[in-house]
Every structure is written in C-alpha cells, then in structure tokens.
N, C-alpha and C. Protein backbone atom coordinates (compact mmCIF):
# COMPACT_ATOMS: atom_id res chain seq x y z
N UNK A 1 -0.04 11.26 4.53
CA UNK A 1 0.26 10.54 5.75
C UNK A 1 -0.13 9.08 5.58
N UNK A 2 0.69 8.19 6.11
CA UNK A 2 0.29 6.79 6.10
C UNK A 2 0.18 6.31 7.54
N UNK A 3 -0.41 5.16 7.71
CA UNK A 3 -0.66 4.65 9.04
C UNK A 3 0.39 3.64 9.50
N UNK A 4 1.56 3.62 8.87
CA UNK A 4 2.59 2.64 9.23
C UNK A 4 3.15 2.86 10.62
N UNK A 5 2.94 4.04 11.19
CA UNK A 5 3.45 4.33 12.53
C UNK A 5 2.41 4.09 13.62
N UNK A 6 1.22 3.64 13.25
CA UNK A 6 0.18 3.39 14.23
C UNK A 6 0.44 2.12 15.02
N UNK A 7 0.07 2.14 16.28
CA UNK A 7 0.11 0.94 17.11
C UNK A 7 -1.14 0.14 16.76
N UNK A 8 -0.98 -0.98 16.08
CA UNK A 8 -2.13 -1.75 15.61
C UNK A 8 -2.87 -2.47 16.73
N UNK A 9 -2.34 -2.41 17.95
CA UNK A 9 -3.06 -2.97 19.09
C UNK A 9 -3.93 -1.92 19.77
N UNK A 10 -3.78 -0.69 19.38
CA UNK A 10 -4.54 0.41 19.98
C UNK A 10 -5.98 0.36 19.49
N UNK A 11 -6.93 0.65 20.38
CA UNK A 11 -8.34 0.64 19.98
C UNK A 11 -9.03 1.98 20.20
N UNK A 12 -8.32 2.95 20.79
CA UNK A 12 -8.83 4.31 20.93
C UNK A 12 -7.71 5.27 20.52
N UNK A 13 -8.06 6.22 19.66
CA UNK A 13 -7.09 7.20 19.18
C UNK A 13 -7.60 8.59 19.54
N UNK A 14 -6.67 9.53 19.73
CA UNK A 14 -7.04 10.92 19.97
C UNK A 14 -6.23 11.81 19.03
N UNK A 15 -6.49 13.10 19.11
CA UNK A 15 -5.76 14.05 18.27
C UNK A 15 -4.26 14.00 18.55
N UNK A 16 -3.84 13.45 19.68
CA UNK A 16 -2.41 13.31 19.96
C UNK A 16 -1.74 12.36 18.96
N UNK A 17 -2.51 11.47 18.35
CA UNK A 17 -1.99 10.54 17.34
C UNK A 17 -2.15 11.07 15.92
N UNK A 18 -2.71 12.27 15.77
CA UNK A 18 -3.09 12.78 14.45
C UNK A 18 -1.96 12.73 13.43
N UNK A 19 -0.76 13.14 13.80
CA UNK A 19 0.35 13.22 12.85
C UNK A 19 0.73 11.86 12.27
N UNK A 20 0.41 10.79 12.96
CA UNK A 20 0.75 9.46 12.43
C UNK A 20 -0.45 8.77 11.77
N UNK A 21 -1.56 9.47 11.67
CA UNK A 21 -2.77 8.87 11.10
C UNK A 21 -2.97 9.32 9.66
N UNK A 22 -3.39 8.40 8.83
CA UNK A 22 -3.76 8.70 7.45
C UNK A 22 -5.23 8.40 7.25
N UNK A 23 -5.89 9.16 6.42
CA UNK A 23 -7.34 9.03 6.27
C UNK A 23 -7.75 8.73 4.83
N UNK A 24 -6.78 8.65 3.92
CA UNK A 24 -7.11 8.48 2.51
C UNK A 24 -7.95 7.22 2.28
N UNK A 25 -9.05 7.40 1.58
CA UNK A 25 -10.00 6.34 1.20
C UNK A 25 -10.86 5.81 2.34
N UNK A 26 -10.77 6.39 3.54
CA UNK A 26 -11.68 5.98 4.61
C UNK A 26 -13.09 6.42 4.24
N UNK A 27 -14.06 5.55 4.51
CA UNK A 27 -15.46 5.84 4.16
C UNK A 27 -16.20 6.43 5.36
N UNK A 28 -17.00 7.45 5.10
CA UNK A 28 -17.92 8.00 6.09
C UNK A 28 -19.29 7.40 5.78
N UNK A 29 -19.86 6.69 6.74
CA UNK A 29 -21.18 6.07 6.54
C UNK A 29 -22.30 6.96 7.03
N UNK A 30 -22.04 7.75 8.06
CA UNK A 30 -23.08 8.60 8.62
C UNK A 30 -22.44 9.69 9.48
N UNK A 31 -23.19 10.79 9.65
CA UNK A 31 -22.74 11.92 10.46
C UNK A 31 -23.84 12.24 11.46
N UNK A 32 -23.47 12.47 12.71
CA UNK A 32 -24.44 12.82 13.75
C UNK A 32 -23.99 14.11 14.44
N UNK A 33 -24.96 14.89 14.85
CA UNK A 33 -24.71 16.15 15.54
C UNK A 33 -25.21 16.03 16.97
N UNK A 34 -24.38 16.45 17.91
CA UNK A 34 -24.74 16.46 19.32
C UNK A 34 -24.59 17.89 19.84
N UNK A 35 -25.57 18.76 19.52
CA UNK A 35 -25.43 20.19 19.83
C UNK A 35 -25.32 20.48 21.33
N UNK A 36 -25.93 19.65 22.17
CA UNK A 36 -25.85 19.89 23.62
C UNK A 36 -24.44 19.68 24.14
N UNK A 37 -23.61 18.93 23.40
CA UNK A 37 -22.22 18.69 23.78
C UNK A 37 -21.24 19.41 22.85
N UNK A 38 -21.77 20.11 21.84
CA UNK A 38 -20.94 20.78 20.83
C UNK A 38 -20.02 19.77 20.13
N UNK A 39 -20.61 18.65 19.70
CA UNK A 39 -19.84 17.60 19.07
C UNK A 39 -20.44 17.19 17.73
N UNK A 40 -19.56 16.73 16.86
CA UNK A 40 -19.94 16.09 15.60
C UNK A 40 -19.29 14.71 15.61
N UNK A 41 -20.08 13.69 15.28
CA UNK A 41 -19.56 12.33 15.24
C UNK A 41 -19.72 11.77 13.83
N UNK A 42 -18.75 10.96 13.43
CA UNK A 42 -18.73 10.32 12.13
C UNK A 42 -18.64 8.81 12.35
N UNK A 43 -19.45 8.05 11.63
CA UNK A 43 -19.33 6.60 11.59
C UNK A 43 -18.48 6.29 10.37
N UNK A 44 -17.28 5.78 10.58
CA UNK A 44 -16.32 5.59 9.49
C UNK A 44 -15.78 4.16 9.46
N UNK A 45 -15.27 3.79 8.29
CA UNK A 45 -14.42 2.61 8.16
C UNK A 45 -13.00 3.16 8.15
N UNK A 46 -12.26 2.92 9.23
CA UNK A 46 -10.90 3.45 9.33
C UNK A 46 -9.91 2.41 8.84
N UNK A 47 -9.09 2.82 7.88
CA UNK A 47 -8.06 1.93 7.32
C UNK A 47 -6.80 2.07 8.17
N UNK A 48 -6.47 1.02 8.90
CA UNK A 48 -5.28 1.04 9.74
C UNK A 48 -4.03 0.72 8.95
N UNK A 49 -4.18 -0.06 7.88
CA UNK A 49 -3.00 -0.44 7.11
C UNK A 49 -3.40 -0.85 5.70
N UNK A 50 -2.58 -0.44 4.74
CA UNK A 50 -2.68 -0.91 3.36
C UNK A 50 -1.67 -2.04 3.25
N UNK A 51 -2.14 -3.25 3.05
CA UNK A 51 -1.27 -4.42 3.00
C UNK A 51 -0.90 -4.69 1.55
N UNK A 52 0.42 -4.66 1.28
CA UNK A 52 0.90 -4.86 -0.09
C UNK A 52 0.47 -6.21 -0.62
N UNK A 53 0.15 -6.26 -1.92
CA UNK A 53 -0.25 -7.54 -2.51
C UNK A 53 0.91 -8.53 -2.54
N UNK A 54 0.57 -9.80 -2.38
CA UNK A 54 1.60 -10.83 -2.52
C UNK A 54 1.89 -11.02 -4.01
N UNK A 55 2.81 -11.88 -4.32
CA UNK A 55 3.23 -12.07 -5.71
C UNK A 55 2.09 -12.45 -6.64
N UNK A 56 1.13 -13.23 -6.16
CA UNK A 56 0.03 -13.67 -7.02
C UNK A 56 -1.20 -12.76 -6.93
N UNK A 57 -1.13 -11.67 -6.18
CA UNK A 57 -2.25 -10.72 -6.06
C UNK A 57 -1.93 -9.44 -6.82
N UNK A 58 -2.99 -8.74 -7.22
CA UNK A 58 -2.81 -7.49 -7.96
C UNK A 58 -3.26 -6.26 -7.18
N UNK A 59 -4.05 -6.44 -6.12
CA UNK A 59 -4.59 -5.30 -5.36
C UNK A 59 -4.11 -5.34 -3.91
N UNK A 60 -4.06 -4.15 -3.32
CA UNK A 60 -3.77 -4.05 -1.89
C UNK A 60 -4.94 -4.65 -1.11
N UNK A 61 -4.64 -5.23 0.03
CA UNK A 61 -5.67 -5.61 0.99
C UNK A 61 -5.72 -4.51 2.02
N UNK A 62 -6.86 -4.33 2.65
CA UNK A 62 -7.04 -3.26 3.62
C UNK A 62 -7.32 -3.82 5.00
N UNK A 63 -6.58 -3.35 6.00
CA UNK A 63 -6.87 -3.68 7.40
C UNK A 63 -7.79 -2.58 7.91
N UNK A 64 -9.05 -2.93 8.14
CA UNK A 64 -10.10 -1.94 8.42
C UNK A 64 -10.82 -2.27 9.72
N UNK A 65 -11.22 -1.22 10.43
CA UNK A 65 -12.09 -1.37 11.60
C UNK A 65 -13.19 -0.31 11.52
N UNK A 66 -14.45 -0.68 11.78
CA UNK A 66 -15.49 0.33 11.90
C UNK A 66 -15.21 1.16 13.14
N UNK A 67 -15.39 2.47 13.03
CA UNK A 67 -15.01 3.36 14.13
C UNK A 67 -15.99 4.51 14.30
N UNK A 68 -16.06 5.01 15.51
CA UNK A 68 -16.80 6.24 15.81
C UNK A 68 -15.76 7.33 16.05
N UNK A 69 -15.80 8.36 15.21
CA UNK A 69 -14.87 9.49 15.29
C UNK A 69 -15.65 10.69 15.79
N UNK A 70 -15.27 11.22 16.96
CA UNK A 70 -16.00 12.32 17.60
C UNK A 70 -15.08 13.53 17.74
N UNK A 71 -15.50 14.66 17.16
CA UNK A 71 -14.78 15.93 17.34
C UNK A 71 -15.45 16.69 18.46
N UNK A 72 -14.63 17.25 19.37
CA UNK A 72 -15.11 17.90 20.58
C UNK A 72 -15.08 19.42 20.47
N UNK A 73 -16.03 20.05 21.15
CA UNK A 73 -16.12 21.52 21.21
C UNK A 73 -16.09 22.14 19.80
N UNK A 74 -17.01 21.69 18.98
CA UNK A 74 -17.06 22.10 17.57
C UNK A 74 -17.81 23.42 17.43
N UNK A 75 -17.29 24.28 16.56
CA UNK A 75 -18.00 25.51 16.20
C UNK A 75 -17.63 25.89 14.78
N UNK A 76 -18.42 26.78 14.21
CA UNK A 76 -18.22 27.28 12.85
C UNK A 76 -18.14 26.15 11.81
N UNK A 77 -19.02 25.16 11.94
CA UNK A 77 -19.02 24.02 11.02
C UNK A 77 -19.63 24.40 9.67
N UNK A 78 -18.98 23.93 8.60
CA UNK A 78 -19.47 24.16 7.24
C UNK A 78 -19.37 22.85 6.47
N UNK A 79 -20.46 22.50 5.80
CA UNK A 79 -20.52 21.27 5.00
C UNK A 79 -20.83 21.64 3.57
N UNK A 80 -20.06 21.11 2.65
CA UNK A 80 -20.31 21.30 1.23
C UNK A 80 -20.08 19.93 0.57
N UNK A 81 -21.12 19.09 0.62
CA UNK A 81 -21.01 17.72 0.13
C UNK A 81 -22.10 17.43 -0.89
N UNK A 82 -21.75 16.66 -1.87
CA UNK A 82 -22.71 16.17 -2.84
C UNK A 82 -22.56 14.66 -2.95
N UNK A 83 -22.96 13.93 -1.89
CA UNK A 83 -22.78 12.48 -1.92
C UNK A 83 -23.69 11.83 -2.95
N UNK A 84 -23.15 10.83 -3.59
CA UNK A 84 -23.94 10.05 -4.54
C UNK A 84 -24.12 8.64 -3.99
N UNK A 85 -23.03 7.94 -3.84
CA UNK A 85 -23.09 6.60 -3.27
C UNK A 85 -22.36 6.53 -1.94
N UNK A 86 -22.05 7.65 -1.36
CA UNK A 86 -21.35 7.69 -0.09
C UNK A 86 -20.38 8.85 -0.05
N UNK A 87 -19.64 8.91 1.04
CA UNK A 87 -18.64 9.96 1.22
C UNK A 87 -17.31 9.28 1.53
N UNK A 88 -16.28 9.63 0.76
CA UNK A 88 -14.96 9.03 0.90
C UNK A 88 -13.93 10.12 1.19
N UNK A 89 -13.18 9.93 2.26
CA UNK A 89 -12.20 10.93 2.68
C UNK A 89 -10.95 10.83 1.80
N UNK A 90 -10.44 11.97 1.39
CA UNK A 90 -9.15 12.03 0.72
C UNK A 90 -8.06 12.43 1.72
N UNK A 91 -8.35 13.46 2.54
CA UNK A 91 -7.32 14.02 3.42
C UNK A 91 -7.97 14.76 4.58
N UNK A 92 -7.38 14.65 5.76
CA UNK A 92 -7.81 15.43 6.92
C UNK A 92 -6.62 16.28 7.35
N UNK A 93 -6.85 17.59 7.47
CA UNK A 93 -5.79 18.50 7.90
C UNK A 93 -6.29 19.37 9.05
N UNK A 94 -5.34 19.93 9.79
CA UNK A 94 -5.68 20.91 10.82
C UNK A 94 -4.71 22.06 10.71
N UNK A 95 -5.21 23.27 10.96
CA UNK A 95 -4.39 24.48 10.85
C UNK A 95 -5.09 25.60 11.60
N UNK A 96 -4.52 26.80 11.60
CA UNK A 96 -5.12 27.99 12.23
C UNK A 96 -5.46 27.78 13.70
N UNK A 97 -4.47 27.46 14.49
CA UNK A 97 -4.68 27.31 15.92
C UNK A 97 -5.09 28.65 16.53
N UNK A 98 -6.05 28.59 17.46
CA UNK A 98 -6.48 29.80 18.15
C UNK A 98 -7.03 29.42 19.52
N UNK A 99 -7.20 30.43 20.37
CA UNK A 99 -7.76 30.21 21.69
C UNK A 99 -9.27 30.00 21.56
N UNK A 100 -9.82 28.96 22.20
CA UNK A 100 -11.27 28.75 22.13
C UNK A 100 -12.02 29.89 22.81
N UNK A 101 -13.20 30.19 22.27
CA UNK A 101 -14.03 31.26 22.84
C UNK A 101 -14.51 30.90 24.24
N UNK A 102 -14.64 29.61 24.52
CA UNK A 102 -15.14 29.16 25.82
C UNK A 102 -14.04 28.47 26.63
N UNK A 103 -12.87 29.06 26.65
CA UNK A 103 -11.70 28.50 27.32
C UNK A 103 -11.98 28.16 28.80
N UNK A 104 -12.71 29.01 29.49
CA UNK A 104 -13.00 28.77 30.90
C UNK A 104 -13.81 27.49 31.09
N UNK A 105 -14.71 27.21 30.17
CA UNK A 105 -15.53 26.00 30.24
C UNK A 105 -14.69 24.75 29.98
N UNK A 106 -13.77 24.82 29.04
CA UNK A 106 -12.97 23.65 28.65
C UNK A 106 -12.06 23.18 29.77
N UNK A 107 -11.36 24.10 30.37
CA UNK A 107 -10.55 23.82 31.54
C UNK A 107 -9.36 22.89 31.30
N UNK A 108 -9.19 22.31 30.09
CA UNK A 108 -8.05 21.43 29.89
C UNK A 108 -7.26 21.75 28.62
N UNK A 109 -7.91 22.21 27.58
CA UNK A 109 -7.21 22.50 26.32
C UNK A 109 -7.14 24.00 26.14
N UNK A 110 -6.04 24.47 25.62
CA UNK A 110 -5.86 25.90 25.45
C UNK A 110 -5.92 26.34 24.00
N UNK A 111 -6.09 25.40 23.08
CA UNK A 111 -6.13 25.77 21.66
C UNK A 111 -7.18 24.94 20.94
N UNK A 112 -7.77 25.56 19.95
CA UNK A 112 -8.61 24.82 19.02
C UNK A 112 -8.03 25.01 17.63
N UNK A 113 -8.33 24.08 16.76
CA UNK A 113 -7.78 24.09 15.41
C UNK A 113 -8.91 24.11 14.41
N UNK A 114 -8.62 24.64 13.24
CA UNK A 114 -9.55 24.51 12.14
C UNK A 114 -9.25 23.17 11.47
N UNK A 115 -10.25 22.33 11.39
CA UNK A 115 -10.13 21.01 10.78
C UNK A 115 -10.77 21.06 9.41
N UNK A 116 -10.13 20.41 8.45
CA UNK A 116 -10.64 20.38 7.08
C UNK A 116 -10.62 18.92 6.62
N UNK A 117 -11.80 18.41 6.27
CA UNK A 117 -11.92 17.04 5.78
C UNK A 117 -12.25 17.13 4.30
N UNK A 118 -11.24 16.84 3.49
CA UNK A 118 -11.44 16.85 2.04
C UNK A 118 -11.96 15.48 1.62
N UNK A 119 -13.05 15.50 0.87
CA UNK A 119 -13.67 14.27 0.39
C UNK A 119 -13.79 14.34 -1.12
N UNK A 120 -13.95 13.20 -1.76
CA UNK A 120 -14.18 13.21 -3.20
C UNK A 120 -15.49 13.90 -3.54
N UNK A 121 -16.40 13.91 -2.59
CA UNK A 121 -17.74 14.46 -2.81
C UNK A 121 -17.89 15.88 -2.29
N UNK A 122 -16.82 16.52 -1.84
CA UNK A 122 -16.89 17.88 -1.30
C UNK A 122 -15.99 18.04 -0.11
N UNK A 123 -16.41 18.89 0.83
CA UNK A 123 -15.55 19.15 1.99
C UNK A 123 -16.37 19.50 3.22
N UNK A 124 -15.72 19.30 4.37
CA UNK A 124 -16.28 19.63 5.67
C UNK A 124 -15.20 20.40 6.42
N UNK A 125 -15.59 21.50 7.08
CA UNK A 125 -14.62 22.23 7.89
C UNK A 125 -15.29 22.74 9.16
N UNK A 126 -14.49 22.88 10.20
CA UNK A 126 -14.99 23.36 11.49
C UNK A 126 -13.80 23.61 12.40
N UNK A 127 -14.05 24.29 13.51
CA UNK A 127 -13.06 24.44 14.57
C UNK A 127 -13.39 23.43 15.66
N UNK A 128 -12.34 22.85 16.25
CA UNK A 128 -12.50 21.88 17.32
C UNK A 128 -11.21 21.80 18.12
N UNK A 129 -11.34 21.44 19.41
CA UNK A 129 -10.15 21.26 20.24
C UNK A 129 -9.48 19.91 20.00
N UNK A 130 -10.18 18.99 19.33
CA UNK A 130 -9.58 17.70 19.04
C UNK A 130 -10.63 16.62 18.89
N UNK A 131 -10.17 15.37 18.82
CA UNK A 131 -11.08 14.26 18.59
C UNK A 131 -10.72 13.05 19.42
N UNK A 132 -11.69 12.15 19.49
CA UNK A 132 -11.51 10.80 20.02
C UNK A 132 -12.08 9.85 18.97
N UNK A 133 -11.38 8.75 18.71
CA UNK A 133 -11.88 7.76 17.76
C UNK A 133 -11.83 6.39 18.42
N UNK A 134 -12.98 5.72 18.40
CA UNK A 134 -13.14 4.43 19.05
C UNK A 134 -13.32 3.34 17.98
N UNK A 135 -12.42 2.39 17.93
CA UNK A 135 -12.58 1.25 17.03
C UNK A 135 -13.61 0.32 17.67
N UNK A 136 -14.73 0.10 16.97
CA UNK A 136 -15.82 -0.66 17.55
C UNK A 136 -15.67 -2.17 17.38
N UNK A 137 -14.84 -2.60 16.44
CA UNK A 137 -14.56 -4.02 16.22
C UNK A 137 -13.07 -4.16 15.97
N UNK A 138 -12.51 -5.33 16.24
CA UNK A 138 -11.08 -5.53 15.92
C UNK A 138 -10.85 -5.36 14.42
N UNK A 139 -9.71 -4.81 14.03
CA UNK A 139 -9.40 -4.65 12.61
C UNK A 139 -9.35 -6.01 11.92
N UNK A 140 -9.85 -6.02 10.68
CA UNK A 140 -9.82 -7.23 9.86
C UNK A 140 -9.32 -6.88 8.47
N UNK A 141 -8.73 -7.86 7.81
CA UNK A 141 -8.27 -7.70 6.42
C UNK A 141 -9.46 -7.87 5.49
N UNK A 142 -9.62 -6.91 4.59
CA UNK A 142 -10.64 -6.98 3.55
C UNK A 142 -9.93 -6.90 2.21
N UNK A 143 -9.87 -8.02 1.48
CA UNK A 143 -9.18 -8.01 0.19
C UNK A 143 -9.88 -7.08 -0.80
N UNK A 144 -9.18 -6.04 -1.19
CA UNK A 144 -9.64 -5.13 -2.24
C UNK A 144 -11.01 -4.53 -2.01
N UNK A 145 -11.40 -4.32 -0.78
CA UNK A 145 -12.72 -3.76 -0.55
C UNK A 145 -12.95 -3.35 0.88
N UNK A 146 -14.22 -3.13 1.21
CA UNK A 146 -14.63 -2.68 2.53
C UNK A 146 -15.66 -3.64 3.09
N UNK A 147 -15.85 -3.64 4.41
CA UNK A 147 -16.87 -4.52 4.99
C UNK A 147 -18.27 -4.10 4.54
N UNK A 148 -19.15 -5.08 4.47
CA UNK A 148 -20.55 -4.78 4.18
C UNK A 148 -21.16 -4.14 5.42
N UNK A 149 -22.35 -3.59 5.26
CA UNK A 149 -23.06 -2.99 6.40
C UNK A 149 -23.25 -4.02 7.50
N UNK A 150 -23.59 -5.23 7.13
CA UNK A 150 -23.78 -6.29 8.12
C UNK A 150 -22.47 -6.64 8.82
N UNK A 151 -21.38 -6.76 8.06
CA UNK A 151 -20.08 -7.11 8.64
C UNK A 151 -19.59 -6.05 9.62
N UNK A 152 -19.90 -4.78 9.35
CA UNK A 152 -19.40 -3.71 10.22
C UNK A 152 -20.35 -3.41 11.37
N UNK A 153 -21.52 -4.07 11.40
CA UNK A 153 -22.47 -3.86 12.49
C UNK A 153 -23.44 -2.72 12.25
N UNK A 154 -23.63 -2.33 11.00
CA UNK A 154 -24.55 -1.24 10.67
C UNK A 154 -24.00 0.12 11.07
N UNK A 155 -24.87 1.11 11.09
CA UNK A 155 -24.51 2.48 11.49
C UNK A 155 -24.48 2.55 13.01
N UNK A 156 -23.44 3.20 13.55
CA UNK A 156 -23.33 3.31 15.00
C UNK A 156 -22.52 4.54 15.38
N UNK A 157 -22.87 5.11 16.51
CA UNK A 157 -22.10 6.21 17.09
C UNK A 157 -21.69 5.87 18.53
N UNK A 158 -21.56 4.58 18.79
CA UNK A 158 -21.14 4.10 20.11
C UNK A 158 -19.73 4.61 20.40
N UNK A 159 -19.56 5.14 21.60
CA UNK A 159 -18.26 5.69 22.03
C UNK A 159 -17.59 4.71 22.98
N UNK A 160 -17.43 3.52 22.50
CA UNK A 160 -16.79 2.48 23.29
C UNK A 160 -15.99 1.62 22.32
N UNK A 161 -14.75 1.33 22.68
CA UNK A 161 -13.93 0.49 21.81
C UNK A 161 -14.27 -0.98 22.04
N UNK A 162 -13.85 -1.82 21.11
CA UNK A 162 -14.13 -3.24 21.21
C UNK A 162 -13.48 -3.87 22.44
N UNK A 163 -12.39 -3.30 22.91
CA UNK A 163 -11.67 -3.88 24.05
C UNK A 163 -12.13 -3.30 25.38
N UNK A 164 -12.96 -2.27 25.33
CA UNK A 164 -13.38 -1.58 26.55
C UNK A 164 -14.66 -2.20 27.12
N UNK A 165 -14.76 -2.18 28.42
CA UNK A 165 -15.98 -2.67 29.06
C UNK A 165 -16.88 -1.55 29.53
N UNK A 166 -16.43 -0.30 29.39
CA UNK A 166 -17.25 0.82 29.85
C UNK A 166 -17.20 1.94 28.81
N UNK A 167 -18.32 2.68 28.68
CA UNK A 167 -18.37 3.77 27.69
C UNK A 167 -17.43 4.91 28.00
C-alpha cells in the first residue's frame, strides 16, 4: 500500500482510512499500554509521502509527521520483537473479523479484527476494533532520513493533533 491516496491536509486518521494507508519504513519510537482502557499506543514517525528524487538527487525524500497511533479495545496481544536500534514497520495488515466479546460495552462497532504489524525486528499481533492516529506536528520533508528526537518533540502519547485545540 502507498499513501498517494491520503489527504495530506488531514491530521487525524482512523481505521476507515486503513486501505489507503501505507506503513512501510515507519519507525516505532515507543509503545504504551493503557489496560484500564484496553488500548495500546505507539509513538511513530508516519510517512505520509515518498517524494521522488529530482534530477540531481539520488534518494527519496520523506514527508513525515510524528504521530500517536492508538488501537482501541485490544485483546489477545502478542509481541515478538528483538529491537536493536529501534523498531521499523514493514507492513500492517488486518484479517479474521469477528464479533467482540464485549459487544454490549462497545455499543458502536460490531466487529473486531486481528491486526498484524510486521517489523524488521519481529512482529506484533492483537485483536482490536480499530485505531485513531493523531499527527502531533505538521508533516515536513526530511531528505533521506527521519527527524531527530528533538525535531519530533521526543517521545509522546498525546492524543491531540497539531490542528486541534482539544484532546
């Protein structure tokens, strides 16, 4: 999947946009667990666009925004990672739709999916009804690389987009 179909003015994404989202080479900086809400959150550098090199360039430039990716109503989570210098996503897939065990509590979604995050360093899988992703800063072009920790604002799990005034 590539991100050429994404609305680049959008600052919040949900699972409704999943089919048009690509995750290849996105970096995971940190993972947080919110058991009281049955959520898992990821602090990621989301690549919105791979910008083709101009005639005098040899590498793609990346349009990147630091983001908080939150999966909702998570269960049966399994992690098999061996990070060395970080975790880099290769592919995110969803399959095996089923009725959530706590359907009465959810009150809005009738299906949950098995999500699989393939990384160069291993894999993560779980069931979830979907996700919300908040771009915390406006996307910027990074020639042949990623923002530094300082440029991206450090580690964060803030659930507010850069354009939003309320959480």
